[in-house]
């Protein structure tokens, strides 16, 4: 099954009527899409209670793609408040337990930085990830082209396959070594992950977009021809695994929700078991 969703559920005003409270948004989001990426997990190891709350607010068929904490992927400039790497991974693993227990964890997404290139030390780090998160599905997203050069592409895919990692197929601006090409390969029989970042070449790198880099990096509105291309990729991947998760991350200009819904129309996707539309907006008890 192709499962379509967005990065986060709060920042998509097209989905919500005026006056909707933040606490109600996930329930409404779950009436549109069967999956979501929890991006906030990248910035901190979230409390166990947060995940339990989100489990309770979503339908049984709903699934979460959870970002790995930035300290785990080596992207934190802060002094990490953990006694060791082992403790950090253990606390992260414990935090997502409600998703595991409920069967709502689609995968943990490990997005590595542009400087994480194909070298021995980084390959060993991936092996460490596998040892620490051995019992949960893990998706790997690279952002350095060295993993997919003609010399290493087949070996990279084989390595991910042997370790049981989910390969993340990315659509992103082709802007030098800090971006990867489209590699529509499946490395897990259970799932594949597609992440659509947009194609804003000018905004992708800090060097070319300046101080507004983070605000414009994902500024892109996909056309129907481009979305049709990605429907075809998703359908190809689906032939090799049980579920293909398609996450729209192009939300700098609030285009993600509309693009995702167009993708669903083009792919003729009609999900059963979603939350009732506007579940929490009206309560007629005591009329």
C-alpha atoms as a PDB file:
ATOM      1  CA  UNK A   1       0.000   0.000   0.000  1.00  0.00           C
ATOM      2  CA  UNK A   2       1.184   3.531  -0.723  1.00  0.00           C
ATOM      3  CA  UNK A   3       0.846   5.619   2.454  1.00  0.00           C
ATOM      4  CA  UNK A   4       0.920   9.400   1.948  1.00  0.00           C
ATOM      5  CA  UNK A   5       1.587  12.023   4.614  1.00  0.00           C
ATOM      6  CA  UNK A   6       3.319  15.249   5.583  1.00  0.00           C
ATOM      7  CA  UNK A   7       6.176  16.394   7.775  1.00  0.00           C
ATOM      8  CA  UNK A   8       4.320  17.332  10.971  1.00  0.00           C
ATOM      9  CA  UNK A   9       0.612  18.014  11.328  1.00  0.00           C
ATOM     10  CA  UNK A  10       0.456  21.495  12.875  1.00  0.00           C
ATOM     11  CA  UNK A  11       1.739  23.779  10.139  1.00  0.00           C
ATOM     12  CA  UNK A  12      -0.728  23.059   7.324  1.00  0.00           C
ATOM     13  CA  UNK A  13      -3.488  25.683   7.537  1.00  0.00           C
ATOM     14  CA  UNK A  14      -5.291  24.375   4.445  1.00  0.00           C
ATOM     15  CA  UNK A  15      -6.376  21.331   6.450  1.00  0.00           C
ATOM     16  CA  UNK A  16      -7.968  23.157   9.374  1.00  0.00           C
ATOM     17  CA  UNK A  17     -10.988  25.434   9.780  1.00  0.00           C
ATOM     18  CA  UNK A  18     -10.370  28.734  11.518  1.00  0.00           C
ATOM     19  CA  UNK A  19     -10.196  28.611  15.289  1.00  0.00           C
ATOM     20  CA  UNK A  20      -8.996  25.019  15.585  1.00  0.00           C
ATOM     21  CA  UNK A  21      -6.791  24.532  18.635  1.00  0.00           C
ATOM     22  CA  UNK A  22      -3.325  22.998  18.283  1.00  0.00           C
ATOM     23  CA  UNK A  23      -4.354  20.045  20.457  1.00  0.00           C
ATOM     24  CA  UNK A  24      -7.141  19.146  18.006  1.00  0.00           C
ATOM     25  CA  UNK A  25      -5.068  19.208  14.843  1.00  0.00           C
ATOM     26  CA  UNK A  26      -3.683  15.665  14.886  1.00  0.00           C
ATOM     27  CA  UNK A  27      -7.183  14.172  15.078  1.00  0.00           C
ATOM     28  CA  UNK A  28      -8.272  16.269  12.091  1.00  0.00           C
ATOM     29  CA  UNK A  29      -5.047  15.515  10.211  1.00  0.00           C
ATOM     30  CA  UNK A  30      -5.820  11.813  10.666  1.00  0.00           C
ATOM     31  CA  UNK A  31      -9.004  12.270   8.639  1.00  0.00           C
ATOM     32  CA  UNK A  32      -6.905  13.254   5.592  1.00  0.00           C
ATOM     33  CA  UNK A  33      -3.760  11.123   5.749  1.00  0.00           C
ATOM     34  CA  UNK A  34      -2.744   7.698   7.149  1.00  0.00           C
ATOM     35  CA  UNK A  35       0.780   8.676   8.203  1.00  0.00           C
ATOM     36  CA  UNK A  36       2.886  11.591   9.420  1.00  0.00           C
ATOM     37  CA  UNK A  37       6.553  12.328  10.050  1.00  0.00           C
ATOM     38  CA  UNK A  38       7.392  13.521  13.568  1.00  0.00           C
ATOM     39  CA  UNK A  39      10.046  16.129  12.825  1.00  0.00           C
ATOM     40  CA  UNK A  40      10.140  17.465  16.397  1.00  0.00           C
ATOM     41  CA  UNK A  41      11.859  14.242  17.494  1.00  0.00           C
ATOM     42  CA  UNK A  42      14.960  15.518  15.681  1.00  0.00           C
ATOM     43  CA  UNK A  43      15.342  18.443  18.102  1.00  0.00           C
ATOM     44  CA  UNK A  44      14.873  16.585  21.393  1.00  0.00           C
ATOM     45  CA  UNK A  45      14.172  13.159  22.822  1.00  0.00           C
ATOM     46  CA  UNK A  46      10.475  13.637  23.405  1.00  0.00           C
ATOM     47  CA  UNK A  47       8.635  12.529  26.537  1.00  0.00           C
ATOM     48  CA  UNK A  48       7.093   9.073  26.544  1.00  0.00           C
ATOM     49  CA  UNK A  49       3.718  10.687  27.329  1.00  0.00           C
ATOM     50  CA  UNK A  50       3.740  12.659  24.067  1.00  0.00           C
ATOM     51  CA  UNK A  51       3.863   9.498  21.997  1.00  0.00           C
ATOM     52  CA  UNK A  52       1.159   7.879  24.098  1.00  0.00           C
ATOM     53  CA  UNK A  53      -1.073  10.906  23.557  1.00  0.00           C
ATOM     54  CA  UNK A  54      -0.537  10.733  19.787  1.00  0.00           C
ATOM     55  CA  UNK A  55      -1.284   7.016  19.776  1.00  0.00           C
ATOM     56  CA  UNK A  56      -4.581   7.728  21.526  1.00  0.00           C
ATOM     57  CA  UNK A  57      -5.509  10.493  19.075  1.00  0.00           C
ATOM     58  CA  UNK A  58      -5.055   8.519  15.862  1.00  0.00           C
ATOM     59  CA  UNK A  59      -6.946   5.669  14.164  1.00  0.00           C
ATOM     60  CA  UNK A  60      -5.723   2.088  14.451  1.00  0.00           C
ATOM     61  CA  UNK A  61      -4.353   2.098  10.892  1.00  0.00           C
ATOM     62  CA  UNK A  62      -2.353   5.319  11.401  1.00  0.00           C
ATOM     63  CA  UNK A  63       1.461   5.093  11.323  1.00  0.00           C
ATOM     64  CA  UNK A  64       4.268   7.428  12.440  1.00  0.00           C
ATOM     65  CA  UNK A  65       7.647   8.013  10.801  1.00  0.00           C
ATOM     66  CA  UNK A  66       9.821   9.338  13.638  1.00  0.00           C
ATOM     67  CA  UNK A  67      12.977  11.362  13.043  1.00  0.00           C
ATOM     68  CA  UNK A  68      16.078  10.229  14.912  1.00  0.00           C
ATOM     69  CA  UNK A  69      17.334  12.752  17.469  1.00  0.00           C
ATOM     70  CA  UNK A  70      20.036  14.999  15.990  1.00  0.00           C
ATOM     71  CA  UNK A  71      22.586  13.896  18.577  1.00  0.00           C
ATOM     72  CA  UNK A  72      22.255  10.361  17.265  1.00  0.00           C
ATOM     73  CA  UNK A  73      23.106  11.413  13.702  1.00  0.00           C
ATOM     74  CA  UNK A  74      25.913  13.739  14.791  1.00  0.00           C
ATOM     75  CA  UNK A  75      24.197  17.029  13.975  1.00  0.00           C
ATOM     76  CA  UNK A  76      24.103  18.635  17.413  1.00  0.00           C
ATOM     77  CA  UNK A  77      26.536  21.447  18.234  1.00  0.00           C
ATOM     78  CA  UNK A  78      25.485  21.396  21.876  1.00  0.00           C
ATOM     79  CA  UNK A  79      26.984  19.474  24.752  1.00  0.00           C
ATOM     80  CA  UNK A  80      24.728  16.464  24.849  1.00  0.00           C
ATOM     81  CA  UNK A  81      23.084  15.860  28.253  1.00  0.00           C
ATOM     82  CA  UNK A  82      23.847  12.141  28.293  1.00  0.00           C
ATOM     83  CA  UNK A  83      26.509  10.106  30.043  1.00  0.00           C
ATOM     84  CA  UNK A  84      27.267   8.193  26.843  1.00  0.00           C
ATOM     85  CA  UNK A  85      26.083   7.453  23.334  1.00  0.00           C
ATOM     86  CA  UNK A  86      24.636   4.199  24.606  1.00  0.00           C
ATOM     87  CA  UNK A  87      22.509   6.080  27.136  1.00  0.00           C
ATOM     88  CA  UNK A  88      21.262   8.492  24.456  1.00  0.00           C
ATOM     89  CA  UNK A  89      20.161   5.653  22.183  1.00  0.00           C
ATOM     90  CA  UNK A  90      18.570   3.795  25.084  1.00  0.00           C
ATOM     91  CA  UNK A  91      16.536   6.841  26.155  1.00  0.00           C
ATOM     92  CA  UNK A  92      15.421   7.478  22.584  1.00  0.00           C
ATOM     93  CA  UNK A  93      14.389   3.849  22.175  1.00  0.00           C
ATOM     94  CA  UNK A  94      12.413   3.995  25.446  1.00  0.00           C
ATOM     95  CA  UNK A  95      10.688   7.239  24.441  1.00  0.00           C
ATOM     96  CA  UNK A  96       9.077   5.699  21.330  1.00  0.00           C
ATOM     97  CA  UNK A  97       7.861   2.586  23.166  1.00  0.00           C
ATOM     98  CA  UNK A  98       4.154   3.599  22.931  1.00  0.00           C
ATOM     99  CA  UNK A  99       4.420   3.601  19.139  1.00  0.00           C
ATOM    100  CA  UNK A 100       6.062   0.188  19.183  1.00  0.00           C
ATOM    101  CA  UNK A 101       3.533  -1.301  21.604  1.00  0.00           C
ATOM    102  CA  UNK A 102       0.588   0.026  19.589  1.00  0.00           C
ATOM    103  CA  UNK A 103       1.973  -1.114  16.237  1.00  0.00           C
ATOM    104  CA  UNK A 104       1.934   2.479  15.009  1.00  0.00           C
ATOM    105  CA  UNK A 105       5.658   2.901  14.400  1.00  0.00           C
ATOM    106  CA  UNK A 106       6.287   2.846  10.656  1.00  0.00           C
ATOM    107  CA  UNK A 107      10.013   3.482  11.059  1.00  0.00           C
ATOM    108  CA  UNK A 108      12.702   5.605  12.675  1.00  0.00           C
ATOM    109  CA  UNK A 109      14.183   7.986  10.092  1.00  0.00           C
ATOM    110  CA  UNK A 110      17.906   8.630  10.397  1.00  0.00           C
ATOM    111  CA  UNK A 111      18.681  11.638   8.227  1.00  0.00           C
ATOM    112  CA  UNK A 112      22.429  12.130   8.062  1.00  0.00           C
ATOM    113  CA  UNK A 113      24.038  15.518   7.321  1.00  0.00           C
ATOM    114  CA  UNK A 114      25.671  16.544   4.023  1.00  0.00           C
ATOM    115  CA  UNK A 115      29.161  15.933   5.441  1.00  0.00           C
ATOM    116  CA  UNK A 116      28.334  12.285   6.300  1.00  0.00           C
ATOM    117  CA  UNK A 117      30.167  10.786   3.335  1.00  0.00           C
ATOM    118  CA  UNK A 118      30.969   7.247   2.303  1.00  0.00           C
ATOM    119  CA  UNK A 119      33.936   6.269   4.432  1.00  0.00           C
ATOM    120  CA  UNK A 120      34.866   3.525   6.873  1.00  0.00           C
ATOM    121  CA  UNK A 121      34.078   5.444  10.081  1.00  0.00           C
ATOM    122  CA  UNK A 122      30.616   6.347   8.844  1.00  0.00           C
ATOM    123  CA  UNK A 123      29.908   2.794   7.744  1.00  0.00           C
ATOM    124  CA  UNK A 124      30.803   1.690  11.274  1.00  0.00           C
ATOM    125  CA  UNK A 125      28.405   4.298  12.645  1.00  0.00           C
ATOM    126  CA  UNK A 126      25.624   2.730  10.589  1.00  0.00           C
ATOM    127  CA  UNK A 127      26.505  -0.644  12.066  1.00  0.00           C
ATOM    128  CA  UNK A 128      26.255   0.922  15.518  1.00  0.00           C
ATOM    129  CA  UNK A 129      22.771   2.234  14.664  1.00  0.00           C
ATOM    130  CA  UNK A 130      21.757  -1.282  13.723  1.00  0.00           C
ATOM    131  CA  UNK A 131      23.022  -2.708  17.010  1.00  0.00           C
ATOM    132  CA  UNK A 132      21.242  -0.081  19.109  1.00  0.00           C
ATOM    133  CA  UNK A 133      17.952  -0.063  17.170  1.00  0.00           C
ATOM    134  CA  UNK A 134      17.989  -3.711  16.151  1.00  0.00           C
ATOM    135  CA  UNK A 135      14.324  -4.355  16.972  1.00  0.00           C
ATOM    136  CA  UNK A 136      12.711  -1.408  15.151  1.00  0.00           C
ATOM    137  CA  UNK A 137      12.535  -0.559  11.437  1.00  0.00           C
ATOM    138  CA  UNK A 138      15.118   2.099  10.556  1.00  0.00           C
ATOM    139  CA  UNK A 139      15.263   4.212   7.406  1.00  0.00           C
ATOM    140  CA  UNK A 140      18.537   5.769   6.280  1.00  0.00           C
ATOM    141  CA  UNK A 141      18.639   9.044   4.370  1.00  0.00           C
ATOM    142  CA  UNK A 142      21.957  10.170   2.925  1.00  0.00           C
ATOM    143  CA  UNK A 143      22.753  13.713   1.836  1.00  0.00           C
ATOM    144  CA  UNK A 144      26.212  13.208   0.405  1.00  0.00           C
ATOM    145  CA  UNK A 145      26.596  12.074  -3.192  1.00  0.00           C
ATOM    146  CA  UNK A 146      29.546   9.808  -2.454  1.00  0.00           C
ATOM    147  CA  UNK A 147      27.166   7.022  -1.365  1.00  0.00           C
ATOM    148  CA  UNK A 148      25.716   6.893  -4.868  1.00  0.00           C
ATOM    149  CA  UNK A 149      28.642   7.419  -7.204  1.00  0.00           C
ATOM    150  CA  UNK A 150      29.034   4.837  -9.954  1.00  0.00           C
ATOM    151  CA  UNK A 151      31.710   3.172  -7.807  1.00  0.00           C
ATOM    152  CA  UNK A 152      29.648   2.855  -4.616  1.00  0.00           C
ATOM    153  CA  UNK A 153      25.958   2.919  -5.562  1.00  0.00           C
ATOM    154  CA  UNK A 154      25.472  -0.864  -5.856  1.00  0.00           C
ATOM    155  CA  UNK A 155      27.542  -1.472  -2.722  1.00  0.00           C
ATOM    156  CA  UNK A 156      25.556   1.105  -0.741  1.00  0.00           C
ATOM    157  CA  UNK A 157      22.239  -0.501  -1.686  1.00  0.00           C
ATOM    158  CA  UNK A 158      23.614  -3.968  -0.910  1.00  0.00           C
ATOM    159  CA  UNK A 159      24.928  -2.785   2.475  1.00  0.00           C
ATOM    160  CA  UNK A 160      21.552  -1.303   3.445  1.00  0.00           C
ATOM    161  CA  UNK A 161      19.888  -4.508   2.307  1.00  0.00           C
ATOM    162  CA  UNK A 162      22.192  -6.768   4.336  1.00  0.00           C
ATOM    163  CA  UNK A 163      21.685  -4.720   7.501  1.00  0.00           C
ATOM    164  CA  UNK A 164      17.926  -4.585   7.021  1.00  0.00           C
ATOM    165  CA  UNK A 165      17.756  -0.801   6.699  1.00  0.00           C
ATOM    166  CA  UNK A 166      15.023   0.956   4.728  1.00  0.00           C
ATOM    167  CA  UNK A 167      16.452   3.031   1.902  1.00  0.00           C
ATOM    168  CA  UNK A 168      15.077   6.578   1.691  1.00  0.00           C
ATOM    169  CA  UNK A 169      14.412   7.661  -1.892  1.00  0.00           C
ATOM    170  CA  UNK A 170      14.745  11.444  -2.055  1.00  0.00           C
ATOM    171  CA  UNK A 171      13.611  14.144  -4.406  1.00  0.00           C
ATOM    172  CA  UNK A 172      15.743  17.186  -3.730  1.00  0.00           C
ATOM    173  CA  UNK A 173      17.622  19.916  -5.627  1.00  0.00           C
ATOM    174  CA  UNK A 174      20.703  18.663  -7.404  1.00  0.00           C
ATOM    175  CA  UNK A 175      23.126  21.148  -5.885  1.00  0.00           C
ATOM    176  CA  UNK A 176      26.523  19.524  -5.612  1.00  0.00           C
ATOM    177  CA  UNK A 177      27.901  16.888  -3.256  1.00  0.00           C
ATOM    178  CA  UNK A 178      25.457  17.863  -0.485  1.00  0.00           C
ATOM    179  CA  UNK A 179      22.510  16.364  -2.329  1.00  0.00           C
ATOM    180  CA  UNK A 180      21.697  12.909  -3.665  1.00  0.00           C
ATOM    181  CA  UNK A 181      20.113  11.769  -6.934  1.00  0.00           C
ATOM    182  CA  UNK A 182      16.869   9.821  -7.210  1.00  0.00           C
ATOM    183  CA  UNK A 183      17.710   6.168  -6.491  1.00  0.00           C
ATOM    184  CA  UNK A 184      14.431   4.196  -6.710  1.00  0.00           C
ATOM    185  CA  UNK A 185      15.660   1.041  -4.957  1.00  0.00           C
ATOM    186  CA  UNK A 186      14.054  -1.080  -2.233  1.00  0.00           C
ATOM    187  CA  UNK A 187      16.223  -2.590   0.504  1.00  0.00           C
ATOM    188  CA  UNK A 188      13.517  -3.963   2.811  1.00  0.00           C
ATOM    189  CA  UNK A 189      10.610  -6.254   1.974  1.00  0.00           C
ATOM    190  CA  UNK A 190       8.562  -4.475   4.634  1.00  0.00           C
ATOM    191  CA  UNK A 191       8.750  -0.837   3.581  1.00  0.00           C
ATOM    192  CA  UNK A 192      10.265   1.881   1.438  1.00  0.00           C
ATOM    193  CA  UNK A 193      10.360   5.610   2.169  1.00  0.00           C
ATOM    194  CA  UNK A 194      10.064   8.489  -0.285  1.00  0.00           C
ATOM    195  CA  UNK A 195      10.728  12.027   0.971  1.00  0.00           C
ATOM    196  CA  UNK A 196       9.889  14.935  -1.319  1.00  0.00           C
ATOM    197  CA  UNK A 197      11.909  18.024  -0.402  1.00  0.00           C
ATOM    198  CA  UNK A 198      11.179  20.067  -3.530  1.00  0.00           C
ATOM    199  CA  UNK A 199      13.573  21.257  -6.209  1.00  0.00           C
ATOM    200  CA  UNK A 200      14.552  24.736  -5.055  1.00  0.00           C
ATOM    201  CA  UNK A 201      18.206  24.686  -6.102  1.00  0.00           C
ATOM    202  CA  UNK A 202      18.819  28.299  -5.066  1.00  0.00           C
ATOM    203  CA  UNK A 203      17.466  27.758  -1.575  1.00  0.00           C
ATOM    204  CA  UNK A 204      18.951  24.336  -0.858  1.00  0.00           C
ATOM    205  CA  UNK A 205      22.379  25.529   0.248  1.00  0.00           C
ATOM    206  CA  UNK A 206      23.104  28.175   2.831  1.00  0.00           C
ATOM    207  CA  UNK A 207      25.864  29.586   0.656  1.00  0.00           C
ATOM    208  CA  UNK A 208      23.402  30.559  -2.088  1.00  0.00           C
ATOM    209  CA  UNK A 209      20.319  31.535  -0.076  1.00  0.00           C
ATOM    210  CA  UNK A 210      21.938  33.439   2.806  1.00  0.00           C
ATOM    211  CA  UNK A 211      20.283  34.192   6.118  1.00  0.00           C
ATOM    212  CA  UNK A 212      16.844  33.059   4.914  1.00  0.00           C
ATOM    213  CA  UNK A 213      18.184  29.570   4.137  1.00  0.00           C
ATOM    214  CA  UNK A 214      16.017  27.602   6.552  1.00  0.00           C
ATOM    215  CA  UNK A 215      12.896  29.578   5.652  1.00  0.00           C
ATOM    216  CA  UNK A 216      13.193  28.943   1.906  1.00  0.00           C
ATOM    217  CA  UNK A 217      14.989  25.615   1.682  1.00  0.00           C
ATOM    218  CA  UNK A 218      11.790  23.653   1.103  1.00  0.00           C
ATOM    219  CA  UNK A 219       9.986  26.329  -0.931  1.00  0.00           C
ATOM    220  CA  UNK A 220       8.597  24.424  -3.882  1.00  0.00           C
ATOM    221  CA  UNK A 221       5.227  23.676  -5.453  1.00  0.00           C
ATOM    222  CA  UNK A 222       5.154  20.413  -7.421  1.00  0.00           C
ATOM    223  CA  UNK A 223       3.337  20.388 -10.754  1.00  0.00           C
ATOM    224  CA  UNK A 224       1.070  17.535 -11.776  1.00  0.00           C
ATOM    225  CA  UNK A 225       3.630  16.210 -14.259  1.00  0.00           C
ATOM    226  CA  UNK A 226       6.234  15.975 -11.488  1.00  0.00           C
ATOM    227  CA  UNK A 227       3.771  14.316  -9.112  1.00  0.00           C
ATOM    228  CA  UNK A 228       2.803  11.831 -11.825  1.00  0.00           C
ATOM    229  CA  UNK A 229       6.483  10.932 -12.082  1.00  0.00           C
ATOM    230  CA  UNK A 230       6.545  10.204  -8.356  1.00  0.00           C
ATOM    231  CA  UNK A 231       3.354   8.170  -8.495  1.00  0.00           C
ATOM    232  CA  UNK A 232       5.152   5.959 -11.001  1.00  0.00           C
ATOM    233  CA  UNK A 233       8.194   5.659  -8.740  1.00  0.00           C
ATOM    234  CA  UNK A 234       5.996   4.746  -5.762  1.00  0.00           C
ATOM    235  CA  UNK A 235       4.095   2.130  -7.734  1.00  0.00           C
ATOM    236  CA  UNK A 236       7.383   0.602  -8.880  1.00  0.00           C
ATOM    237  CA  UNK A 237       8.693   0.422  -5.314  1.00  0.00           C
ATOM    238  CA  UNK A 238       5.413  -1.066  -4.090  1.00  0.00           C
ATOM    239  CA  UNK A 239       6.015  -4.155  -6.211  1.00  0.00           C
ATOM    240  CA  UNK A 240       9.022  -4.989  -4.016  1.00  0.00           C
ATOM    241  CA  UNK A 241       7.711  -4.256  -0.496  1.00  0.00           C
ATOM    242  CA  UNK A 242       4.558  -4.180   1.612  1.00  0.00           C
ATOM    243  CA  UNK A 243       4.249  -0.419   2.160  1.00  0.00           C
ATOM    244  CA  UNK A 244       5.665   2.664   0.489  1.00  0.00           C
ATOM    245  CA  UNK A 245       5.566   5.780   2.671  1.00  0.00           C
ATOM    246  CA  UNK A 246       5.512   9.058   0.730  1.00  0.00           C
ATOM    247  CA  UNK A 247       6.257  12.124   2.871  1.00  0.00           C
ATOM    248  CA  UNK A 248       5.912  15.657   1.526  1.00  0.00           C
ATOM    249  CA  UNK A 249       8.467  17.974   3.146  1.00  0.00           C
ATOM    250  CA  UNK A 250       8.096  20.942   0.750  1.00  0.00           C
ATOM    251  CA  UNK A 251       6.284  23.202   3.176  1.00  0.00           C
ATOM    252  CA  UNK A 252       8.237  26.468   3.251  1.00  0.00           C
ATOM    253  CA  UNK A 253       5.422  27.955   1.147  1.00  0.00           C
ATOM    254  CA  UNK A 254       2.615  25.755   2.577  1.00  0.00           C
ATOM    255  CA  UNK A 255       2.484  23.601  -0.564  1.00  0.00           C
ATOM    256  CA  UNK A 256       2.898  20.173   1.048  1.00  0.00           C
ATOM    257  CA  UNK A 257      -0.732  19.388   1.943  1.00  0.00           C
ATOM    258  CA  UNK A 258      -2.161  20.343  -1.466  1.00  0.00           C
ATOM    259  CA  UNK A 259       0.632  18.495  -3.294  1.00  0.00           C
ATOM    260  CA  UNK A 260       0.024  15.370  -1.185  1.00  0.00           C
ATOM    261  CA  UNK A 261      -3.699  15.436  -1.939  1.00  0.00           C
ATOM    262  CA  UNK A 262      -2.994  15.844  -5.660  1.00  0.00           C
ATOM    263  CA  UNK A 263      -0.588  12.896  -5.478  1.00  0.00           C
ATOM    264  CA  UNK A 264      -3.332  10.794  -3.854  1.00  0.00           C
ATOM    265  CA  UNK A 265      -5.777  11.725  -6.617  1.00  0.00           C
ATOM    266  CA  UNK A 266      -3.276  10.882  -9.354  1.00  0.00           C
ATOM    267  CA  UNK A 267      -2.489   7.546  -7.675  1.00  0.00           C
ATOM    268  CA  UNK A 268      -6.204   6.831  -7.138  1.00  0.00           C
ATOM    269  CA  UNK A 269      -5.673   6.313  -3.408  1.00  0.00           C
ATOM    270  CA  UNK A 270      -8.742   6.079  -1.178  1.00  0.00           C
ATOM    271  CA  UNK A 271      -7.913   5.144   2.387  1.00  0.00           C
ATOM    272  CA  UNK A 272     -10.244   3.244   4.683  1.00  0.00           C
ATOM    273  CA  UNK A 273     -10.075   3.516   8.452  1.00  0.00           C
ATOM    274  CA  UNK A 274      -9.120   7.187   8.702  1.00  0.00           C
ATOM    275  CA  UNK A 275     -10.509   9.399  11.458  1.00  0.00           C
ATOM    276  CA  UNK A 276     -13.998  10.834  10.809  1.00  0.00           C
ATOM    277  CA  UNK A 277     -13.787  14.250   9.173  1.00  0.00           C
ATOM    278  CA  UNK A 278     -13.519  17.052  11.771  1.00  0.00           C
ATOM    279  CA  UNK A 279     -13.860  14.538  14.579  1.00  0.00           C
ATOM    280  CA  UNK A 280     -13.316  16.977  17.432  1.00  0.00           C
ATOM    281  CA  UNK A 281     -14.977  20.122  16.074  1.00  0.00           C
ATOM    282  CA  UNK A 282     -18.581  19.475  17.058  1.00  0.00           C
ATOM    283  CA  UNK A 283     -19.970  17.807  20.141  1.00  0.00           C
ATOM    284  CA  UNK A 284     -23.753  17.891  20.245  1.00  0.00           C
ATOM    285  CA  UNK A 285     -24.146  16.185  23.652  1.00  0.00           C
ATOM    286  CA  UNK A 286     -26.538  18.170  25.816  1.00  0.00           C
ATOM    287  CA  UNK A 287     -28.157  19.994  22.908  1.00  0.00           C
END
